[in-house]
Amino acid sequence: MDKNPAWRRELEKVLRLAAGDPKTFNLLLEDLLSPEELKVLPVRWQIIKRLNQGRPHHKITEELGVGVATVTRGSQMLKNKTGGFQQILKKLK
């Protein structure tokens, strides 16, 4: 999917700039993402938080109304000890 590394670096720069201002950041997300993509982002974060708390996969699917595959993907990403989820969870402690 990453067809052009320069494009990714440019997007990273834009996101860093926007991150300093919550209003600008939210407006940028609304411009970049579809309404459906925006709707699922908070749910995906809730999946990660619940997995990090040790909640069972089946409970998370029931609580959030998501599929097993979505929770499993979150679980796989959370296992990456150097990934973004782990970095943010450490900062939130």
PDB file of N, CA and C in Angstrom:
ATOM      1  N   MET A   1       0.822  -1.202   0.000  1.00  0.00           N
ATOM      2  CA  MET A   1       0.000   0.000   0.000  1.00  0.00           C
ATOM      3  C   MET A   1       0.862   1.261   0.000  1.00  0.00           C
ATOM      4  N   ASP A   2       2.024   1.174   0.630  1.00  0.00           N
ATOM      5  CA  ASP A   2       2.908   2.338   0.702  1.00  0.00           C
ATOM      6  C   ASP A   2       3.701   2.436  -0.597  1.00  0.00           C
ATOM      7  N   LYS A   3       3.086   3.040  -1.607  1.00  0.00           N
ATOM      8  CA  LYS A   3       3.685   3.082  -2.937  1.00  0.00           C
ATOM      9  C   LYS A   3       4.811   4.096  -3.043  1.00  0.00           C
ATOM     10  N   ASN A   4       4.797   5.072  -2.167  1.00  0.00           N
ATOM     11  CA  ASN A   4       5.802   6.120  -2.262  1.00  0.00           C
ATOM     12  C   ASN A   4       6.219   6.540  -0.854  1.00  0.00           C
ATOM     13  N   PRO A   5       7.402   6.119  -0.402  1.00  0.00           N
ATOM     14  CA  PRO A   5       7.855   6.474   0.947  1.00  0.00           C
ATOM     15  C   PRO A   5       7.878   7.978   1.205  1.00  0.00           C
ATOM     16  N   ALA A   6       8.131   8.767   0.180  1.00  0.00           N
ATOM     17  CA  ALA A   6       8.147  10.225   0.356  1.00  0.00           C
ATOM     18  C   ALA A   6       6.761  10.735   0.727  1.00  0.00           C
ATOM     19  N   TRP A   7       5.723  10.121   0.168  1.00  0.00           N
ATOM     20  CA  TRP A   7       4.351  10.523   0.508  1.00  0.00           C
ATOM     21  C   TRP A   7       4.071  10.246   1.984  1.00  0.00           C
ATOM     22  N   ARG A   8       4.538   9.095   2.457  1.00  0.00           N
ATOM     23  CA  ARG A   8       4.324   8.746   3.865  1.00  0.00           C
ATOM     24  C   ARG A   8       5.029   9.744   4.782  1.00  0.00           C
ATOM     25  N   ARG A   9       6.271  10.075   4.445  1.00  0.00           N
ATOM     26  CA  ARG A   9       7.011  11.054   5.257  1.00  0.00           C
ATOM     27  C   ARG A   9       6.295  12.401   5.260  1.00  0.00           C
ATOM     28  N   GLU A  10       5.768  12.780   4.108  1.00  0.00           N
ATOM     29  CA  GLU A  10       5.035  14.044   4.026  1.00  0.00           C
ATOM     30  C   GLU A  10       3.788  14.004   4.908  1.00  0.00           C
ATOM     31  N   LEU A  11       3.061  12.886   4.870  1.00  0.00           N
ATOM     32  CA  LEU A  11       1.869  12.753   5.711  1.00  0.00           C
ATOM     33  C   LEU A  11       2.249  12.774   7.188  1.00  0.00           C
ATOM     34  N   GLU A  12       3.326  12.116   7.554  1.00  0.00           N
ATOM     35  CA  GLU A  12       3.793  12.139   8.943  1.00  0.00           C
ATOM     36  C   GLU A  12       4.073  13.566   9.393  1.00  0.00           C
ATOM     37  N   LYS A  13       4.686  14.351   8.527  1.00  0.00           N
ATOM     38  CA  LYS A  13       4.967  15.754   8.850  1.00  0.00           C
ATOM     39  C   LYS A  13       3.668  16.524   9.061  1.00  0.00           C
ATOM     40  N   VAL A  14       2.696  16.308   8.188  1.00  0.00           N
ATOM     41  CA  VAL A  14       1.395  16.979   8.303  1.00  0.00           C
ATOM     42  C   VAL A  14       0.714  16.590   9.614  1.00  0.00           C
ATOM     43  N   LEU A  15       0.738  15.305   9.954  1.00  0.00           N
ATOM     44  CA  LEU A  15       0.106  14.849  11.198  1.00  0.00           C
ATOM     45  C   LEU A  15       0.795  15.437  12.424  1.00  0.00           C
ATOM     46  N   ARG A  16       2.121  15.519  12.395  1.00  0.00           N
ATOM     47  CA  ARG A  16       2.843  16.137  13.520  1.00  0.00           C
ATOM     48  C   ARG A  16       2.460  17.601  13.676  1.00  0.00           C
ATOM     49  N   LEU A  17       2.353  18.300  12.566  1.00  0.00           N
ATOM     50  CA  LEU A  17       1.948  19.713  12.617  1.00  0.00           C
ATOM     51  C   LEU A  17       0.540  19.854  13.192  1.00  0.00           C
ATOM     52  N   ALA A  18      -0.364  19.019  12.741  1.00  0.00           N
ATOM     53  CA  ALA A  18      -1.758  19.101  13.188  1.00  0.00           C
ATOM     54  C   ALA A  18      -1.917  18.656  14.638  1.00  0.00           C
ATOM     55  N   ALA A  19      -1.069  17.748  15.097  1.00  0.00           N
ATOM     56  CA  ALA A  19      -1.207  17.197  16.446  1.00  0.00           C
ATOM     57  C   ALA A  19      -1.070  18.256  17.531  1.00  0.00           C
ATOM     58  N   GLY A  20      -0.426  19.361  17.231  1.00  0.00           N
ATOM     59  CA  GLY A  20      -0.261  20.426  18.213  1.00  0.00           C
ATOM     60  C   GLY A  20      -1.526  21.209  18.493  1.00  0.00           C
ATOM     61  N   ASP A  21      -2.537  21.032  17.675  1.00  0.00           N
ATOM     62  CA  ASP A  21      -3.790  21.774  17.827  1.00  0.00           C
ATOM     63  C   ASP A  21      -4.959  20.809  17.644  1.00  0.00           C
ATOM     64  N   PRO A  22      -5.653  20.444  18.737  1.00  0.00           N
ATOM     65  CA  PRO A  22      -6.733  19.461  18.639  1.00  0.00           C
ATOM     66  C   PRO A  22      -7.806  19.801  17.602  1.00  0.00           C
ATOM     67  N   LYS A  23      -8.152  21.077  17.484  1.00  0.00           N
ATOM     68  CA  LYS A  23      -9.181  21.452  16.512  1.00  0.00           C
ATOM     69  C   LYS A  23      -8.697  21.174  15.086  1.00  0.00           C
ATOM     70  N   THR A  24      -7.483  21.596  14.788  1.00  0.00           N
ATOM     71  CA  THR A  24      -6.911  21.355  13.462  1.00  0.00           C
ATOM     72  C   THR A  24      -6.768  19.861  13.204  1.00  0.00           C
ATOM     73  N   PHE A  25      -6.345  19.127  14.227  1.00  0.00           N
ATOM     74  CA  PHE A  25      -6.172  17.684  14.074  1.00  0.00           C
ATOM     75  C   PHE A  25      -7.498  17.018  13.725  1.00  0.00           C
ATOM     76  N   ASN A  26      -8.556  17.377  14.445  1.00  0.00           N
ATOM     77  CA  ASN A  26      -9.875  16.798  14.167  1.00  0.00           C
ATOM     78  C   ASN A  26     -10.372  17.173  12.778  1.00  0.00           C
ATOM     79  N   LEU A  27     -10.163  18.415  12.394  1.00  0.00           N
ATOM     80  CA  LEU A  27     -10.574  18.835  11.048  1.00  0.00           C
ATOM     81  C   LEU A  27      -9.804  18.060   9.978  1.00  0.00           C
ATOM     82  N   LEU A  28      -8.521  17.865  10.203  1.00  0.00           N
ATOM     83  CA  LEU A  28      -7.713  17.114   9.249  1.00  0.00           C
ATOM     84  C   LEU A  28      -8.201  15.672   9.136  1.00  0.00           C
ATOM     85  N   LEU A  29      -8.476  15.045  10.281  1.00  0.00           N
ATOM     86  CA  LEU A  29      -8.992  13.673  10.247  1.00  0.00           C
ATOM     87  C   LEU A  29     -10.305  13.597   9.476  1.00  0.00           C
ATOM     88  N   GLU A  30     -11.179  14.576   9.702  1.00  0.00           N
ATOM     89  CA  GLU A  30     -12.457  14.596   8.987  1.00  0.00           C
ATOM     90  C   GLU A  30     -12.251  14.745   7.486  1.00  0.00           C
ATOM     91  N   ASP A  31     -11.217  15.464   7.091  1.00  0.00           N
ATOM     92  CA  ASP A  31     -10.922  15.635   5.668  1.00  0.00           C
ATOM     93  C   ASP A  31     -10.256  14.395   5.065  1.00  0.00           C
ATOM     94  N   LEU A  32      -9.397  13.746   5.832  1.00  0.00           N
ATOM     95  CA  LEU A  32      -8.654  12.597   5.320  1.00  0.00           C
ATOM     96  C   LEU A  32      -9.464  11.308   5.284  1.00  0.00           C
ATOM     97  N   LEU A  33     -10.317  11.118   6.287  1.00  0.00           N
ATOM     98  CA  LEU A  33     -11.001   9.840   6.457  1.00  0.00           C
ATOM     99  C   LEU A  33     -12.475   9.936   6.101  1.00  0.00           C
ATOM    100  N   SER A  34     -13.023   8.808   5.697  1.00  0.00           N
ATOM    101  CA  SER A  34     -14.461   8.750   5.432  1.00  0.00           C
ATOM    102  C   SER A  34     -15.203   8.767   6.769  1.00  0.00           C
ATOM    103  N   PRO A  35     -16.500   9.091   6.765  1.00  0.00           N
ATOM    104  CA  PRO A  35     -17.265   9.054   8.016  1.00  0.00           C
ATOM    105  C   PRO A  35     -17.193   7.686   8.700  1.00  0.00           C
ATOM    106  N   GLU A  36     -17.217   6.620   7.933  1.00  0.00           N
ATOM    107  CA  GLU A  36     -17.142   5.274   8.513  1.00  0.00           C
ATOM    108  C   GLU A  36     -15.779   5.027   9.154  1.00  0.00           C
ATOM    109  N   GLU A  37     -14.718   5.465   8.498  1.00  0.00           N
ATOM    110  CA  GLU A  37     -13.375   5.310   9.069  1.00  0.00           C
ATOM    111  C   GLU A  37     -13.243   6.100  10.366  1.00  0.00           C
ATOM    112  N   LEU A  38     -13.810   7.290  10.395  1.00  0.00           N
ATOM    113  CA  LEU A  38     -13.786   8.101  11.620  1.00  0.00           C
ATOM    114  C   LEU A  38     -14.559   7.431  12.743  1.00  0.00           C
ATOM    115  N   LYS A  39     -15.657   6.790  12.387  1.00  0.00           N
ATOM    116  CA  LYS A  39     -16.514   6.147  13.386  1.00  0.00           C
ATOM    117  C   LYS A  39     -15.822   4.953  14.041  1.00  0.00           C
ATOM    118  N   VAL A  40     -15.032   4.211  13.283  1.00  0.00           N
ATOM    119  CA  VAL A  40     -14.413   3.007  13.841  1.00  0.00           C
ATOM    120  C   VAL A  40     -13.119   3.281  14.610  1.00  0.00           C
ATOM    121  N   LEU A  41     -12.492   4.418  14.405  1.00  0.00           N
ATOM    122  CA  LEU A  41     -11.236   4.701  15.117  1.00  0.00           C
ATOM    123  C   LEU A  41     -11.388   4.647  16.639  1.00  0.00           C
ATOM    124  N   PRO A  42     -12.387   5.320  17.223  1.00  0.00           N
ATOM    125  CA  PRO A  42     -12.529   5.232  18.679  1.00  0.00           C
ATOM    126  C   PRO A  42     -12.832   3.813  19.158  1.00  0.00           C
ATOM    127  N   VAL A  43     -13.570   3.056  18.366  1.00  0.00           N
ATOM    128  CA  VAL A  43     -13.879   1.670  18.731  1.00  0.00           C
ATOM    129  C   VAL A  43     -12.600   0.839  18.733  1.00  0.00           C
ATOM    130  N   ARG A  44     -11.777   1.046  17.737  1.00  0.00           N
ATOM    131  CA  ARG A  44     -10.515   0.297  17.683  1.00  0.00           C
ATOM    132  C   ARG A  44      -9.626   0.627  18.878  1.00  0.00           C
ATOM    133  N   TRP A  45      -9.638   1.867  19.303  1.00  0.00           N
ATOM    134  CA  TRP A  45      -8.847   2.226  20.481  1.00  0.00           C
ATOM    135  C   TRP A  45      -9.412   1.547  21.724  1.00  0.00           C
ATOM    136  N   GLN A  46     -10.730   1.457  21.828  1.00  0.00           N
ATOM    137  CA  GLN A  46     -11.342   0.764  22.961  1.00  0.00           C
ATOM    138  C   GLN A  46     -10.956  -0.711  22.967  1.00  0.00           C
ATOM    139  N   ILE A  47     -10.858  -1.311  21.791  1.00  0.00           N
ATOM    140  CA  ILE A  47     -10.410  -2.706  21.695  1.00  0.00           C
ATOM    141  C   ILE A  47      -9.011  -2.834  22.293  1.00  0.00           C
ATOM    142  N   ILE A  48      -8.119  -1.952  21.909  1.00  0.00           N
ATOM    143  CA  ILE A  48      -6.734  -2.006  22.400  1.00  0.00           C
ATOM    144  C   ILE A  48      -6.692  -1.814  23.914  1.00  0.00           C
ATOM    145  N   LYS A  49      -7.447  -0.852  24.426  1.00  0.00           N
ATOM    146  CA  LYS A  49      -7.465  -0.626  25.875  1.00  0.00           C
ATOM    147  C   LYS A  49      -7.959  -1.859  26.618  1.00  0.00           C
ATOM    148  N   ARG A  50      -9.022  -2.471  26.121  1.00  0.00           N
ATOM    149  CA  ARG A  50      -9.575  -3.651  26.785  1.00  0.00           C
ATOM    150  C   ARG A  50      -8.611  -4.842  26.698  1.00  0.00           C
ATOM    151  N   LEU A  51      -7.999  -5.029  25.551  1.00  0.00           N
ATOM    152  CA  LEU A  51      -6.997  -6.096  25.429  1.00  0.00           C
ATOM    153  C   LEU A  51      -5.855  -5.861  26.406  1.00  0.00           C
ATOM    154  N   ASN A  52      -5.407  -4.638  26.516  1.00  0.00           N
ATOM    155  CA  ASN A  52      -4.313  -4.299  27.423  1.00  0.00           C
ATOM    156  C   ASN A  52      -4.691  -4.545  28.884  1.00  0.00           C
ATOM    157  N   GLN A  53      -5.978  -4.436  29.187  1.00  0.00           N
ATOM    158  CA  GLN A  53      -6.468  -4.708  30.541  1.00  0.00           C
ATOM    159  C   GLN A  53      -6.637  -6.207  30.794  1.00  0.00           C
ATOM    160  N   GLY A  54      -6.442  -7.013  29.739  1.00  0.00           N
ATOM    161  CA  GLY A  54      -6.550  -8.461  29.896  1.00  0.00           C
ATOM    162  C   GLY A  54      -7.940  -9.020  29.671  1.00  0.00           C
ATOM    163  N   ARG A  55      -8.837  -8.222  29.122  1.00  0.00           N
ATOM    164  CA  ARG A  55     -10.189  -8.704  28.856  1.00  0.00           C
ATOM    165  C   ARG A  55     -10.161  -9.799  27.790  1.00  0.00           C
ATOM    166  N   PRO A  56     -10.985 -10.825  27.940  1.00  0.00           N
ATOM    167  CA  PRO A  56     -11.054 -11.886  26.926  1.00  0.00           C
ATOM    168  C   PRO A  56     -11.624 -11.366  25.603  1.00  0.00           C
ATOM    169  N   HIS A  57     -11.165 -11.956  24.523  1.00  0.00           N
ATOM    170  CA  HIS A  57     -11.608 -11.542  23.187  1.00  0.00           C
ATOM    171  C   HIS A  57     -13.126 -11.600  23.052  1.00  0.00           C
ATOM    172  N   HIS A  58     -13.734 -12.692  23.533  1.00  0.00           N
ATOM    173  CA  HIS A  58     -15.187 -12.834  23.350  1.00  0.00           C
ATOM    174  C   HIS A  58     -15.965 -11.757  24.106  1.00  0.00           C
ATOM    175  N   LYS A  59     -15.450 -11.317  25.233  1.00  0.00           N
ATOM    176  CA  LYS A  59     -16.111 -10.233  25.980  1.00  0.00           C
ATOM    177  C   LYS A  59     -16.030  -8.921  25.204  1.00  0.00           C
ATOM    178  N   ILE A  60     -14.884  -8.670  24.611  1.00  0.00           N
ATOM    179  CA  ILE A  60     -14.701  -7.435  23.846  1.00  0.00           C
ATOM    180  C   ILE A  60     -15.641  -7.415  22.649  1.00  0.00           C
ATOM    181  N   THR A  61     -15.763  -8.546  21.959  1.00  0.00           N
ATOM    182  CA  THR A  61     -16.672  -8.585  20.807  1.00  0.00           C
ATOM    183  C   THR A  61     -18.101  -8.311  21.241  1.00  0.00           C
ATOM    184  N   GLU A  62     -18.492  -8.850  22.387  1.00  0.00           N
ATOM    185  CA  GLU A  62     -19.850  -8.614  22.911  1.00  0.00           C
ATOM    186  C   GLU A  62     -20.038  -7.159  23.329  1.00  0.00           C
ATOM    187  N   GLU A  63     -19.083  -6.634  24.080  1.00  0.00           N
ATOM    188  CA  GLU A  63     -19.194  -5.274  24.607  1.00  0.00           C
ATOM    189  C   GLU A  63     -19.228  -4.215  23.511  1.00  0.00           C
ATOM    190  N   LEU A  64     -18.420  -4.411  22.486  1.00  0.00           N
ATOM    191  CA  LEU A  64     -18.266  -3.369  21.467  1.00  0.00           C
ATOM    192  C   LEU A  64     -18.996  -3.670  20.165  1.00  0.00           C
ATOM    193  N   GLY A  65     -19.539  -4.871  20.043  1.00  0.00           N
ATOM    194  CA  GLY A  65     -20.262  -5.216  18.823  1.00  0.00           C
ATOM    195  C   GLY A  65     -19.365  -5.299  17.601  1.00  0.00           C
ATOM    196  N   VAL A  66     -18.162  -5.810  17.798  1.00  0.00           N
ATOM    197  CA  VAL A  66     -17.214  -5.945  16.688  1.00  0.00           C
ATOM    198  C   VAL A  66     -16.955  -7.422  16.425  1.00  0.00           C
ATOM    199  N   GLY A  67     -16.362  -7.702  15.289  1.00  0.00           N
ATOM    200  CA  GLY A  67     -16.062  -9.076  14.922  1.00  0.00           C
ATOM    201  C   GLY A  67     -14.811  -9.602  15.600  1.00  0.00           C
ATOM    202  N   VAL A  68     -14.743 -10.913  15.656  1.00  0.00           N
ATOM    203  CA  VAL A  68     -13.585 -11.577  16.253  1.00  0.00           C
ATOM    204  C   VAL A  68     -12.304 -11.200  15.506  1.00  0.00           C
ATOM    205  N   ALA A  69     -12.379 -11.101  14.185  1.00  0.00           N
ATOM    206  CA  ALA A  69     -11.187 -10.769  13.394  1.00  0.00           C
ATOM    207  C   ALA A  69     -10.635  -9.391  13.761  1.00  0.00           C
ATOM    208  N   THR A  70     -11.519  -8.452  14.050  1.00  0.00           N
ATOM    209  CA  THR A  70     -11.082  -7.103  14.421  1.00  0.00           C
ATOM    210  C   THR A  70     -10.341  -7.130  15.754  1.00  0.00           C
ATOM    211  N   VAL A  71     -10.879  -7.879  16.707  1.00  0.00           N
ATOM    212  CA  VAL A  71     -10.229  -7.990  18.017  1.00  0.00           C
ATOM    213  C   VAL A  71      -8.906  -8.744  17.889  1.00  0.00           C
ATOM    214  N   THR A  72      -8.903  -9.788  17.082  1.00  0.00           N
ATOM    215  CA  THR A  72      -7.679 -10.568  16.879  1.00  0.00           C
ATOM    216  C   THR A  72      -6.585  -9.713  16.254  1.00  0.00           C
ATOM    217  N   ARG A  73      -6.945  -8.900  15.288  1.00  0.00           N
ATOM    218  CA  ARG A  73      -5.949  -8.016  14.668  1.00  0.00           C
ATOM    219  C   ARG A  73      -5.386  -7.052  15.709  1.00  0.00           C
ATOM    220  N   GLY A  74      -6.268  -6.485  16.531  1.00  0.00           N
ATOM    221  CA  GLY A  74      -5.804  -5.600  17.595  1.00  0.00           C
ATOM    222  C   GLY A  74      -4.858  -6.314  18.542  1.00  0.00           C
ATOM    223  N   SER A  75      -5.185  -7.546  18.865  1.00  0.00           N
ATOM    224  CA  SER A  75      -4.352  -8.341  19.756  1.00  0.00           C
ATOM    225  C   SER A  75      -2.976  -8.586  19.146  1.00  0.00           C
ATOM    226  N   GLN A  76      -2.949  -8.880  17.861  1.00  0.00           N
ATOM    227  CA  GLN A  76      -1.667  -9.098  17.184  1.00  0.00           C
ATOM    228  C   GLN A  76      -0.826  -7.830  17.181  1.00  0.00           C
ATOM    229  N   MET A  77      -1.465  -6.697  16.932  1.00  0.00           N
ATOM    230  CA  MET A  77      -0.732  -5.435  16.909  1.00  0.00           C
ATOM    231  C   MET A  77      -0.216  -5.077  18.309  1.00  0.00           C
ATOM    232  N   LEU A  78      -0.997  -5.388  19.321  1.00  0.00           N
ATOM    233  CA  LEU A  78      -0.608  -5.084  20.697  1.00  0.00           C
ATOM    234  C   LEU A  78       0.600  -5.911  21.134  1.00  0.00           C
ATOM    235  N   LYS A  79       0.783  -7.074  20.548  1.00  0.00           N
ATOM    236  CA  LYS A  79       1.931  -7.928  20.890  1.00  0.00           C
ATOM    237  C   LYS A  79       3.258  -7.342  20.420  1.00  0.00           C
ATOM    238  N   ASN A  80       3.211  -6.421  19.486  1.00  0.00           N
ATOM    239  CA  ASN A  80       4.430  -5.772  18.998  1.00  0.00           C
ATOM    240  C   ASN A  80       4.908  -4.787  20.069  1.00  0.00           C
ATOM    241  N   LYS A  81       5.905  -5.186  20.813  1.00  0.00           N
ATOM    242  CA  LYS A  81       6.369  -4.395  21.966  1.00  0.00           C
ATOM    243  C   LYS A  81       7.001  -3.063  21.579  1.00  0.00           C
ATOM    244  N   THR A  82       7.351  -2.905  20.316  1.00  0.00           N
ATOM    245  CA  THR A  82       7.922  -1.635  19.872  1.00  0.00           C
ATOM    246  C   THR A  82       6.949  -0.864  18.982  1.00  0.00           C
ATOM    247  N   GLY A  83       5.710  -1.334  18.884  1.00  0.00           N
ATOM    248  CA  GLY A  83       4.716  -0.698  18.021  1.00  0.00           C
ATOM    249  C   GLY A  83       4.093   0.541  18.642  1.00  0.00           C
ATOM    250  N   GLY A  84       3.291   1.189  17.853  1.00  0.00           N
ATOM    251  CA  GLY A  84       2.654   2.435  18.267  1.00  0.00           C
ATOM    252  C   GLY A  84       1.722   2.288  19.450  1.00  0.00           C
ATOM    253  N   PHE A  85       0.962   1.188  19.491  1.00  0.00           N
ATOM    254  CA  PHE A  85       0.046   1.009  20.620  1.00  0.00           C
ATOM    255  C   PHE A  85       0.819   0.936  21.928  1.00  0.00           C
ATOM    256  N   GLN A  86       1.891   0.162  21.947  1.00  0.00           N
ATOM    257  CA  GLN A  86       2.696   0.037  23.170  1.00  0.00           C
ATOM    258  C   GLN A  86       3.315   1.371  23.564  1.00  0.00           C
ATOM    259  N   GLN A  87       3.776   2.126  22.581  1.00  0.00           N
ATOM    260  CA  GLN A  87       4.390   3.425  22.874  1.00  0.00           C
ATOM    261  C   GLN A  87       3.385   4.372  23.524  1.00  0.00           C
ATOM    262  N   ILE A  88       2.183   4.421  22.973  1.00  0.00           N
ATOM    263  CA  ILE A  88       1.152   5.312  23.518  1.00  0.00           C
ATOM    264  C   ILE A  88       0.674   4.830  24.879  1.00  0.00           C
ATOM    265  N   LEU A  89       0.471   3.534  25.033  1.00  0.00           N
ATOM    266  CA  LEU A  89       0.023   3.009  26.327  1.00  0.00           C
ATOM    267  C   LEU A  89       1.033   3.335  27.424  1.00  0.00           C
ATOM    268  N   LYS A  90       2.320   3.271  27.115  1.00  0.00           N
ATOM    269  CA  LYS A  90       3.353   3.639  28.097  1.00  0.00           C
ATOM    270  C   LYS A  90       3.233   5.111  28.481  1.00  0.00           C
ATOM    271  N   LYS A  91       2.986   5.955  27.495  1.00  0.00           N
ATOM    272  CA  LYS A  91       2.879   7.393  27.760  1.00  0.00           C
ATOM    273  C   LYS A  91       1.620   7.737  28.541  1.00  0.00           C
ATOM    274  N   LEU A  92       0.590   6.923  28.436  1.00  0.00           N
ATOM    275  CA  LEU A  92      -0.667   7.188  29.140  1.00  0.00           C
ATOM    276  C   LEU A  92      -0.635   6.752  30.599  1.00  0.00           C
ATOM    277  N   LYS A  93       0.372   5.971  30.989  1.00  0.00           N
ATOM    278  CA  LYS A  93       0.457   5.490  32.382  1.00  0.00           C
ATOM    279  C   LYS A  93       0.740   6.619  33.327  1.00  0.00           C
TER     280      LYS A  93
END
